[in-house]
Amino acid sequence: MAVPSSYQDLVEDRETMDNWGWVWYDKQFFPPKRWLDDKRKIKLRFSSVRLNCAVYLNGVSIVNHTGGQLPFEVDVTNNLNKDKLNL
């Protein structure tokens, strides 16, 4: 699914459109090598999250965020797999 978007906008069935419960997005990625060479801080940035958000990186809870469609970021430098796939 394309992000940013709302999954409710991508379906036609009423039950899914009316769901305001928890859902999740995930993405697998390798950090670019230049990020690791520079010894810089690595942050995940969320430009808009509706209501509540729980962020996990590689199965570890990183942060919980509450706020109505506001941006936030979290430093994941110490939780990032430097040489293998991240989720």
PDB file of N, CA and C in Angstrom:
ATOM      1  N   MET A   1       0.840  -1.174   0.000  1.00  0.00           N
ATOM      2  CA  MET A   1       0.000   0.000   0.000  1.00  0.00           C
ATOM      3  C   MET A   1       0.882   1.232   0.000  1.00  0.00           C
ATOM      4  N   ALA A   2       0.450   2.204  -0.707  1.00  0.00           N
ATOM      5  CA  ALA A   2       1.213   3.456  -0.769  1.00  0.00           C
ATOM      6  C   ALA A   2       1.116   4.190   0.564  1.00  0.00           C
ATOM      7  N   VAL A   3       2.215   4.745   0.991  1.00  0.00           N
ATOM      8  CA  VAL A   3       2.239   5.562   2.195  1.00  0.00           C
ATOM      9  C   VAL A   3       2.799   6.907   1.781  1.00  0.00           C
ATOM     10  N   PRO A   4       2.202   8.020   2.076  1.00  0.00           N
ATOM     11  CA  PRO A   4       1.090   8.144   3.011  1.00  0.00           C
ATOM     12  C   PRO A   4      -0.253   7.856   2.362  1.00  0.00           C
ATOM     13  N   SER A   5      -1.089   7.235   3.116  1.00  0.00           N
ATOM     14  CA  SER A   5      -2.485   7.015   2.742  1.00  0.00           C
ATOM     15  C   SER A   5      -3.206   6.424   3.934  1.00  0.00           C
ATOM     16  N   SER A   6      -4.487   6.309   3.811  1.00  0.00           N
ATOM     17  CA  SER A   6      -5.309   5.686   4.827  1.00  0.00           C
ATOM     18  C   SER A   6      -5.875   4.414   4.229  1.00  0.00           C
ATOM     19  N   TYR A   7      -5.691   3.305   4.923  1.00  0.00           N
ATOM     20  CA  TYR A   7      -6.190   2.050   4.366  1.00  0.00           C
ATOM     21  C   TYR A   7      -7.706   2.088   4.157  1.00  0.00           C
ATOM     22  N   GLN A   8      -8.416   2.892   4.948  1.00  0.00           N
ATOM     23  CA  GLN A   8      -9.870   3.000   4.772  1.00  0.00           C
ATOM     24  C   GLN A   8     -10.237   3.589   3.412  1.00  0.00           C
ATOM     25  N   ASP A   9      -9.342   4.368   2.822  1.00  0.00           N
ATOM     26  CA  ASP A   9      -9.605   4.972   1.517  1.00  0.00           C
ATOM     27  C   ASP A   9      -9.346   4.017   0.358  1.00  0.00           C
ATOM     28  N   LEU A  10      -8.764   2.851   0.648  1.00  0.00           N
ATOM     29  CA  LEU A  10      -8.368   1.931  -0.410  1.00  0.00           C
ATOM     30  C   LEU A  10      -9.283   0.723  -0.550  1.00  0.00           C
ATOM     31  N   VAL A  11     -10.319   0.652   0.254  1.00  0.00           N
ATOM     32  CA  VAL A  11     -11.229  -0.497   0.218  1.00  0.00           C
ATOM     33  C   VAL A  11     -12.659  -0.012   0.035  1.00  0.00           C
ATOM     34  N   GLU A  12     -13.526  -0.947  -0.306  1.00  0.00           N
ATOM     35  CA  GLU A  12     -14.929  -0.585  -0.510  1.00  0.00           C
ATOM     36  C   GLU A  12     -15.862  -1.207   0.515  1.00  0.00           C
ATOM     37  N   ASP A  13     -15.381  -2.209   1.276  1.00  0.00           N
ATOM     38  CA  ASP A  13     -16.312  -2.836   2.222  1.00  0.00           C
ATOM     39  C   ASP A  13     -16.471  -1.970   3.473  1.00  0.00           C
ATOM     40  N   ARG A  14     -17.691  -1.834   3.917  1.00  0.00           N
ATOM     41  CA  ARG A  14     -18.057  -0.932   5.018  1.00  0.00           C
ATOM     42  C   ARG A  14     -17.345  -1.303   6.323  1.00  0.00           C
ATOM     43  N   GLU A  15     -17.196  -2.600   6.624  1.00  0.00           N
ATOM     44  CA  GLU A  15     -16.571  -3.016   7.884  1.00  0.00           C
ATOM     45  C   GLU A  15     -15.136  -2.489   7.996  1.00  0.00           C
ATOM     46  N   THR A  16     -14.372  -2.604   6.921  1.00  0.00           N
ATOM     47  CA  THR A  16     -12.992  -2.106   6.937  1.00  0.00           C
ATOM     48  C   THR A  16     -12.962  -0.586   6.950  1.00  0.00           C
ATOM     49  N   MET A  17     -13.837   0.036   6.182  1.00  0.00           N
ATOM     50  CA  MET A  17     -13.865   1.502   6.137  1.00  0.00           C
ATOM     51  C   MET A  17     -14.194   2.105   7.496  1.00  0.00           C
ATOM     52  N   ASP A  18     -15.017   1.409   8.281  1.00  0.00           N
ATOM     53  CA  ASP A  18     -15.436   1.927   9.584  1.00  0.00           C
ATOM     54  C   ASP A  18     -14.526   1.480  10.734  1.00  0.00           C
ATOM     55  N   ASN A  19     -13.479   0.722  10.445  1.00  0.00           N
ATOM     56  CA  ASN A  19     -12.589   0.231  11.496  1.00  0.00           C
ATOM     57  C   ASN A  19     -11.677   1.357  11.976  1.00  0.00           C
ATOM     58  N   TRP A  20     -11.684   1.589  13.285  1.00  0.00           N
ATOM     59  CA  TRP A  20     -10.769   2.559  13.881  1.00  0.00           C
ATOM     60  C   TRP A  20      -9.863   1.880  14.899  1.00  0.00           C
ATOM     61  N   GLY A  21      -9.713   0.557  14.768  1.00  0.00           N
ATOM     62  CA  GLY A  21      -8.832  -0.191  15.656  1.00  0.00           C
ATOM     63  C   GLY A  21      -7.389  -0.126  15.180  1.00  0.00           C
ATOM     64  N   TRP A  22      -6.550  -0.920  15.808  1.00  0.00           N
ATOM     65  CA  TRP A  22      -5.127  -0.952  15.482  1.00  0.00           C
ATOM     66  C   TRP A  22      -4.891  -1.629  14.146  1.00  0.00           C
ATOM     67  N   VAL A  23      -3.982  -1.090  13.379  1.00  0.00           N
ATOM     68  CA  VAL A  23      -3.476  -1.693  12.143  1.00  0.00           C
ATOM     69  C   VAL A  23      -1.964  -1.472  12.149  1.00  0.00           C
ATOM     70  N   TRP A  24      -1.251  -2.099  11.244  1.00  0.00           N
ATOM     71  CA  TRP A  24       0.187  -1.857  11.191  1.00  0.00           C
ATOM     72  C   TRP A  24       0.682  -1.759   9.764  1.00  0.00           C
ATOM     73  N   TYR A  25       1.740  -1.010   9.640  1.00  0.00           N
ATOM     74  CA  TYR A  25       2.512  -0.912   8.408  1.00  0.00           C
ATOM     75  C   TYR A  25       3.890  -1.477   8.754  1.00  0.00           C
ATOM     76  N   ASP A  26       4.510  -2.127   7.817  1.00  0.00           N
ATOM     77  CA  ASP A  26       5.899  -2.505   8.052  1.00  0.00           C
ATOM     78  C   ASP A  26       6.704  -2.345   6.775  1.00  0.00           C
ATOM     79  N   LYS A  27       7.996  -2.244   6.959  1.00  0.00           N
ATOM     80  CA  LYS A  27       8.909  -2.057   5.832  1.00  0.00           C
ATOM     81  C   LYS A  27      10.235  -2.709   6.184  1.00  0.00           C
ATOM     82  N   GLN A  28      10.788  -3.416   5.230  1.00  0.00           N
ATOM     83  CA  GLN A  28      12.121  -3.989   5.396  1.00  0.00           C
ATOM     84  C   GLN A  28      13.118  -3.079   4.684  1.00  0.00           C
ATOM     85  N   PHE A  29      14.291  -2.891   5.300  1.00  0.00           N
ATOM     86  CA  PHE A  29      15.280  -2.015   4.677  1.00  0.00           C
ATOM     87  C   PHE A  29      16.678  -2.324   5.199  1.00  0.00           C
ATOM     88  N   PHE A  30      17.658  -2.012   4.376  1.00  0.00           N
ATOM     89  CA  PHE A  30      19.057  -1.982   4.772  1.00  0.00           C
ATOM     90  C   PHE A  30      19.438  -0.524   4.902  1.00  0.00           C
ATOM     91  N   PRO A  31      20.169  -0.133   5.944  1.00  0.00           N
ATOM     92  CA  PRO A  31      20.608   1.258   6.015  1.00  0.00           C
ATOM     93  C   PRO A  31      21.666   1.513   4.945  1.00  0.00           C
ATOM     94  N   PRO A  32      21.593   2.659   4.251  1.00  0.00           N
ATOM     95  CA  PRO A  32      22.638   2.981   3.282  1.00  0.00           C
ATOM     96  C   PRO A  32      24.016   3.021   3.963  1.00  0.00           C
ATOM     97  N   LYS A  33      25.012   2.532   3.288  1.00  0.00           N
ATOM     98  CA  LYS A  33      26.359   2.458   3.866  1.00  0.00           C
ATOM     99  C   LYS A  33      26.874   3.829   4.314  1.00  0.00           C
ATOM    100  N   ARG A  34      26.524   4.876   3.585  1.00  0.00           N
ATOM    101  CA  ARG A  34      27.021   6.213   3.958  1.00  0.00           C
ATOM    102  C   ARG A  34      26.503   6.647   5.331  1.00  0.00           C
ATOM    103  N   TRP A  35      25.330   6.157   5.744  1.00  0.00           N
ATOM    104  CA  TRP A  35      24.831   6.476   7.078  1.00  0.00           C
ATOM    105  C   TRP A  35      25.753   5.895   8.140  1.00  0.00           C
ATOM    106  N   LEU A  36      26.248   4.719   7.898  1.00  0.00           N
ATOM    107  CA  LEU A  36      27.076   4.023   8.882  1.00  0.00           C
ATOM    108  C   LEU A  36      28.494   4.558   8.889  1.00  0.00           C
ATOM    109  N   ASP A  37      29.004   4.956   7.730  1.00  0.00           N
ATOM    110  CA  ASP A  37      30.359   5.485   7.634  1.00  0.00           C
ATOM    111  C   ASP A  37      30.505   6.825   8.342  1.00  0.00           C
ATOM    112  N   ASP A  38      29.452   7.624   8.339  1.00  0.00           N
ATOM    113  CA  ASP A  38      29.509   8.960   8.924  1.00  0.00           C
ATOM    114  C   ASP A  38      29.342   8.966  10.439  1.00  0.00           C
ATOM    115  N   LYS A  39      28.978   7.827  11.013  1.00  0.00           N
ATOM    116  CA  LYS A  39      28.734   7.742  12.467  1.00  0.00           C
ATOM    117  C   LYS A  39      27.667   8.738  12.913  1.00  0.00           C
ATOM    118  N   ARG A  40      26.727   9.011  12.018  1.00  0.00           N
ATOM    119  CA  ARG A  40      25.673   9.967  12.369  1.00  0.00           C
ATOM    120  C   ARG A  40      24.534   9.274  13.106  1.00  0.00           C
ATOM    121  N   LYS A  41      23.705  10.059  13.748  1.00  0.00           N
ATOM    122  CA  LYS A  41      22.494   9.540  14.385  1.00  0.00           C
ATOM    123  C   LYS A  41      21.487   9.202  13.287  1.00  0.00           C
ATOM    124  N   ILE A  42      20.809   8.084  13.448  1.00  0.00           N
ATOM    125  CA  ILE A  42      19.829   7.641  12.463  1.00  0.00           C
ATOM    126  C   ILE A  42      18.451   7.717  13.109  1.00  0.00           C
ATOM    127  N   LYS A  43      17.566   8.453  12.450  1.00  0.00           N
ATOM    128  CA  LYS A  43      16.235   8.670  13.004  1.00  0.00           C
ATOM    129  C   LYS A  43      15.172   8.215  12.019  1.00  0.00           C
ATOM    130  N   LEU A  44      14.090   7.660  12.558  1.00  0.00           N
ATOM    131  CA  LEU A  44      12.896   7.401  11.766  1.00  0.00           C
ATOM    132  C   LEU A  44      11.986   8.592  11.962  1.00  0.00           C
ATOM    133  N   ARG A  45      11.484   9.133  10.858  1.00  0.00           N
ATOM    134  CA  ARG A  45      10.591  10.290  10.930  1.00  0.00           C
ATOM    135  C   ARG A  45       9.238   9.910  10.379  1.00  0.00           C
ATOM    136  N   PHE A  46       8.218  10.252  11.128  1.00  0.00           N
ATOM    137  CA  PHE A  46       6.830  10.019  10.730  1.00  0.00           C
ATOM    138  C   PHE A  46       6.200  11.383  10.519  1.00  0.00           C
ATOM    139  N   SER A  47       5.745  11.649   9.310  1.00  0.00           N
ATOM    140  CA  SER A  47       5.242  12.990   9.014  1.00  0.00           C
ATOM    141  C   SER A  47       3.801  13.192   9.477  1.00  0.00           C
ATOM    142  N   SER A  48       3.057  12.106   9.677  1.00  0.00           N
ATOM    143  CA  SER A  48       1.696  12.248  10.167  1.00  0.00           C
ATOM    144  C   SER A  48       1.195  10.898  10.659  1.00  0.00           C
ATOM    145  N   VAL A  49       0.826  10.849  11.925  1.00  0.00           N
ATOM    146  CA  VAL A  49       0.254   9.640  12.514  1.00  0.00           C
ATOM    147  C   VAL A  49      -1.023  10.041  13.223  1.00  0.00           C
ATOM    148  N   ARG A  50      -2.085   9.325  12.914  1.00  0.00           N
ATOM    149  CA  ARG A  50      -3.381   9.665  13.513  1.00  0.00           C
ATOM    150  C   ARG A  50      -3.524   8.956  14.847  1.00  0.00           C
ATOM    151  N   LEU A  51      -3.785   9.709  15.875  1.00  0.00           N
ATOM    152  CA  LEU A  51      -4.060   9.225  17.225  1.00  0.00           C
ATOM    153  C   LEU A  51      -2.868   8.535  17.861  1.00  0.00           C
ATOM    154  N   ASN A  52      -2.838   7.203  17.927  1.00  0.00           N
ATOM    155  CA  ASN A  52      -1.801   6.481  18.663  1.00  0.00           C
ATOM    156  C   ASN A  52      -0.905   5.686  17.721  1.00  0.00           C
ATOM    157  N   CYS A  53       0.352   5.577  18.107  1.00  0.00           N
ATOM    158  CA  CYS A  53       1.312   4.857  17.288  1.00  0.00           C
ATOM    159  C   CYS A  53       2.315   4.156  18.204  1.00  0.00           C
ATOM    160  N   ALA A  54       2.602   2.904  17.904  1.00  0.00           N
ATOM    161  CA  ALA A  54       3.659   2.156  18.588  1.00  0.00           C
ATOM    162  C   ALA A  54       4.695   1.798  17.525  1.00  0.00           C
ATOM    163  N   VAL A  55       5.947   2.193  17.741  1.00  0.00           N
ATOM    164  CA  VAL A  55       7.007   1.951  16.771  1.00  0.00           C
ATOM    165  C   VAL A  55       7.905   0.827  17.290  1.00  0.00           C
ATOM    166  N   TYR A  56       8.083  -0.169  16.441  1.00  0.00           N
ATOM    167  CA  TYR A  56       8.975  -1.290  16.733  1.00  0.00           C
ATOM    168  C   TYR A  56      10.055  -1.325  15.657  1.00  0.00           C
ATOM    169  N   LEU A  57      11.248  -1.683  16.053  1.00  0.00           N
ATOM    170  CA  LEU A  57      12.325  -1.904  15.093  1.00  0.00           C
ATOM    171  C   LEU A  57      12.952  -3.243  15.432  1.00  0.00           C
ATOM    172  N   ASN A  58      12.860  -4.165  14.488  1.00  0.00           N
ATOM    173  CA  ASN A  58      13.405  -5.505  14.662  1.00  0.00           C
ATOM    174  C   ASN A  58      12.832  -6.200  15.899  1.00  0.00           C
ATOM    175  N   GLY A  59      11.533  -5.995  16.126  1.00  0.00           N
ATOM    176  CA  GLY A  59      10.839  -6.660  17.227  1.00  0.00           C
ATOM    177  C   GLY A  59      10.986  -5.996  18.579  1.00  0.00           C
ATOM    178  N   VAL A  60      11.689  -4.876  18.641  1.00  0.00           N
ATOM    179  CA  VAL A  60      11.903  -4.164  19.901  1.00  0.00           C
ATOM    180  C   VAL A  60      11.047  -2.902  19.908  1.00  0.00           C
ATOM    181  N   SER A  61      10.302  -2.696  20.979  1.00  0.00           N
ATOM    182  CA  SER A  61       9.495  -1.481  21.115  1.00  0.00           C
ATOM    183  C   SER A  61      10.428  -0.286  21.287  1.00  0.00           C
ATOM    184  N   ILE A  62      10.293   0.701  20.393  1.00  0.00           N
ATOM    185  CA  ILE A  62      11.170   1.866  20.405  1.00  0.00           C
ATOM    186  C   ILE A  62      10.501   3.074  21.062  1.00  0.00           C
ATOM    187  N   VAL A  63       9.247   3.332  20.666  1.00  0.00           N
ATOM    188  CA  VAL A  63       8.541   4.490  21.216  1.00  0.00           C
ATOM    189  C   VAL A  63       7.037   4.330  20.997  1.00  0.00           C
ATOM    190  N   ASN A  64       6.265   4.931  21.886  1.00  0.00           N
ATOM    191  CA  ASN A  64       4.824   5.091  21.698  1.00  0.00           C
ATOM    192  C   ASN A  64       4.563   6.576  21.542  1.00  0.00           C
ATOM    193  N   HIS A  65       3.678   6.910  20.617  1.00  0.00           N
ATOM    194  CA  HIS A  65       3.384   8.317  20.335  1.00  0.00           C
ATOM    195  C   HIS A  65       1.870   8.509  20.330  1.00  0.00           C
ATOM    196  N   THR A  66       1.414   9.577  20.949  1.00  0.00           N
ATOM    197  CA  THR A  66       0.003   9.944  20.919  1.00  0.00           C
ATOM    198  C   THR A  66      -0.088  11.383  20.439  1.00  0.00           C
ATOM    199  N   GLY A  67      -0.910  11.601  19.430  1.00  0.00           N
ATOM    200  CA  GLY A  67      -1.097  12.942  18.898  1.00  0.00           C
ATOM    201  C   GLY A  67      -1.861  12.868  17.603  1.00  0.00           C
ATOM    202  N   GLY A  68      -2.656  13.848  17.329  1.00  0.00           N
ATOM    203  CA  GLY A  68      -3.508  13.822  16.150  1.00  0.00           C
ATOM    204  C   GLY A  68      -2.811  14.325  14.906  1.00  0.00           C
ATOM    205  N   GLN A  69      -2.385  13.440  14.057  1.00  0.00           N
ATOM    206  CA  GLN A  69      -1.794  13.743  12.759  1.00  0.00           C
ATOM    207  C   GLN A  69      -0.630  14.724  12.848  1.00  0.00           C
ATOM    208  N   LEU A  70       0.214  14.524  13.832  1.00  0.00           N
ATOM    209  CA  LEU A  70       1.380  15.378  14.014  1.00  0.00           C
ATOM    210  C   LEU A  70       2.650  14.607  13.671  1.00  0.00           C
ATOM    211  N   PRO A  71       3.676  15.289  13.169  1.00  0.00           N
ATOM    212  CA  PRO A  71       4.943  14.619  12.878  1.00  0.00           C
ATOM    213  C   PRO A  71       5.726  14.343  14.161  1.00  0.00           C
ATOM    214  N   PHE A  72       6.548  13.301  14.112  1.00  0.00           N
ATOM    215  CA  PHE A  72       7.491  13.045  15.190  1.00  0.00           C
ATOM    216  C   PHE A  72       8.628  12.196  14.629  1.00  0.00           C
ATOM    217  N   GLU A  73       9.724  12.133  15.374  1.00  0.00           N
ATOM    218  CA  GLU A  73      10.846  11.310  14.969  1.00  0.00           C
ATOM    219  C   GLU A  73      11.432  10.639  16.188  1.00  0.00           C
ATOM    220  N   VAL A  74      12.148   9.538  15.934  1.00  0.00           N
ATOM    221  CA  VAL A  74      12.759   8.783  17.020  1.00  0.00           C
ATOM    222  C   VAL A  74      14.146   8.313  16.580  1.00  0.00           C
ATOM    223  N   ASP A  75      15.106   8.454  17.477  1.00  0.00           N
ATOM    224  CA  ASP A  75      16.484   8.021  17.216  1.00  0.00           C
ATOM    225  C   ASP A  75      16.538   6.498  17.330  1.00  0.00           C
ATOM    226  N   VAL A  76      16.965   5.830  16.258  1.00  0.00           N
ATOM    227  CA  VAL A  76      17.058   4.365  16.244  1.00  0.00           C
ATOM    228  C   VAL A  76      18.497   3.891  16.048  1.00  0.00           C
ATOM    229  N   THR A  77      19.443   4.789  16.230  1.00  0.00           N
ATOM    230  CA  THR A  77      20.847   4.473  15.979  1.00  0.00           C
ATOM    231  C   THR A  77      21.280   3.204  16.703  1.00  0.00           C
ATOM    232  N   ASN A  78      20.933   3.059  17.961  1.00  0.00           N
ATOM    233  CA  ASN A  78      21.397   1.925  18.758  1.00  0.00           C
ATOM    234  C   ASN A  78      20.588   0.654  18.521  1.00  0.00           C
ATOM    235  N   ASN A  79      19.463   0.743  17.832  1.00  0.00           N
ATOM    236  CA  ASN A  79      18.607  -0.417  17.603  1.00  0.00           C
ATOM    237  C   ASN A  79      18.684  -0.940  16.177  1.00  0.00           C
ATOM    238  N   LEU A  80      19.451  -0.279  15.350  1.00  0.00           N
ATOM    239  CA  LEU A  80      19.512  -0.611  13.938  1.00  0.00           C
ATOM    240  C   LEU A  80      20.475  -1.767  13.680  1.00  0.00           C
ATOM    241  N   ASN A  81      20.054  -2.722  12.844  1.00  0.00           N
ATOM    242  CA  ASN A  81      20.984  -3.748  12.361  1.00  0.00           C
ATOM    243  C   ASN A  81      21.846  -3.086  11.302  1.00  0.00           C
ATOM    244  N   LYS A  82      23.132  -2.998  11.554  1.00  0.00           N
ATOM    245  CA  LYS A  82      24.019  -2.267  10.654  1.00  0.00           C
ATOM    246  C   LYS A  82      24.342  -3.044   9.381  1.00  0.00           C
ATOM    247  N   ASP A  83      24.358  -4.376   9.462  1.00  0.00           N
ATOM    248  CA  ASP A  83      24.814  -5.170   8.313  1.00  0.00           C
ATOM    249  C   ASP A  83      23.810  -6.230   7.875  1.00  0.00           C
ATOM    250  N   LYS A  84      22.583  -6.123   8.332  1.00  0.00           N
ATOM    251  CA  LYS A  84      21.566  -7.061   7.866  1.00  0.00           C
ATOM    252  C   LYS A  84      20.214  -6.352   7.790  1.00  0.00           C
ATOM    253  N   LEU A  85      19.251  -7.056   7.284  1.00  0.00           N
ATOM    254  CA  LEU A  85      17.925  -6.498   7.054  1.00  0.00           C
ATOM    255  C   LEU A  85      17.273  -6.025   8.352  1.00  0.00           C
ATOM    256  N   ASN A  86      16.589  -4.901   8.259  1.00  0.00           N
ATOM    257  CA  ASN A  86      15.814  -4.346   9.378  1.00  0.00           C
ATOM    258  C   ASN A  86      14.339  -4.411   9.022  1.00  0.00           C
ATOM    259  N   LEU A  87      13.516  -4.518  10.057  1.00  0.00           N
ATOM    260  CA  LEU A  87      12.063  -4.494   9.870  1.00  0.00           C
ATOM    261  C   LEU A  87      11.480  -3.523  10.878  1.00  0.00           C
TER     262      LEU A  87
END
